[in-house]
Amino acid sequence: MVICGFDQYRKKKYRYTFCNTCREVSGLELGDECTKIILNTKGENDSEVEQPLVDFLHYVENSSPKNVPEDCDERLLHLHRIVEQIKANEQMGVTYMKMEERDRQIKEEGREEGERSKLLSQIQKKLGKGMTIEEIAEALEEEPAVIKELMGSL
């Protein structure tokens, strides 16, 4: 099961259910009882699905007290209490911020590694064309010292 905050299929359904069937033989199923369910918080077909599911998906979209109806399912009420406890827990907030910072650092390192890899590739191509370090540096708008340093890792 996957919960999406967007409508991947643009059919305005809260739930999309997929089963393994044979394309060549109508009605023939794989028989592995494997079903894939994609839930969509942007659905609009309230009358076609259970109200507790609609309430839950609205809550997933925006976990605030206003998205906890008075007559909601007990499971949603329980979830809301847990979410509120987590939000109120200062240590949990610190942990979350650390995770956010770690994720940001990982993305930054990945971006830097990608830039370095691309620069190395460009240097190799230009060396293959017989260009000098100075010509490569000028073409790539880098300092010759940077090009020399990168060439050391080729």
Foldseek 3Di string as FASTA:
>chain_A
DEEDQDDPVPPQAQKDKDFAADPVDPPHGPPPPDMDMYGYLRHDPCVVDDPLSNLVSVCVNPVDPVSADPPHDVVNVVVSVVVVVLVPDPVSVVVVVVVVVVVVVVVVVVVVVVVLVVLLVQLVVVVVVVDDLVVSCVVVVHDSVVSVVSVVVD
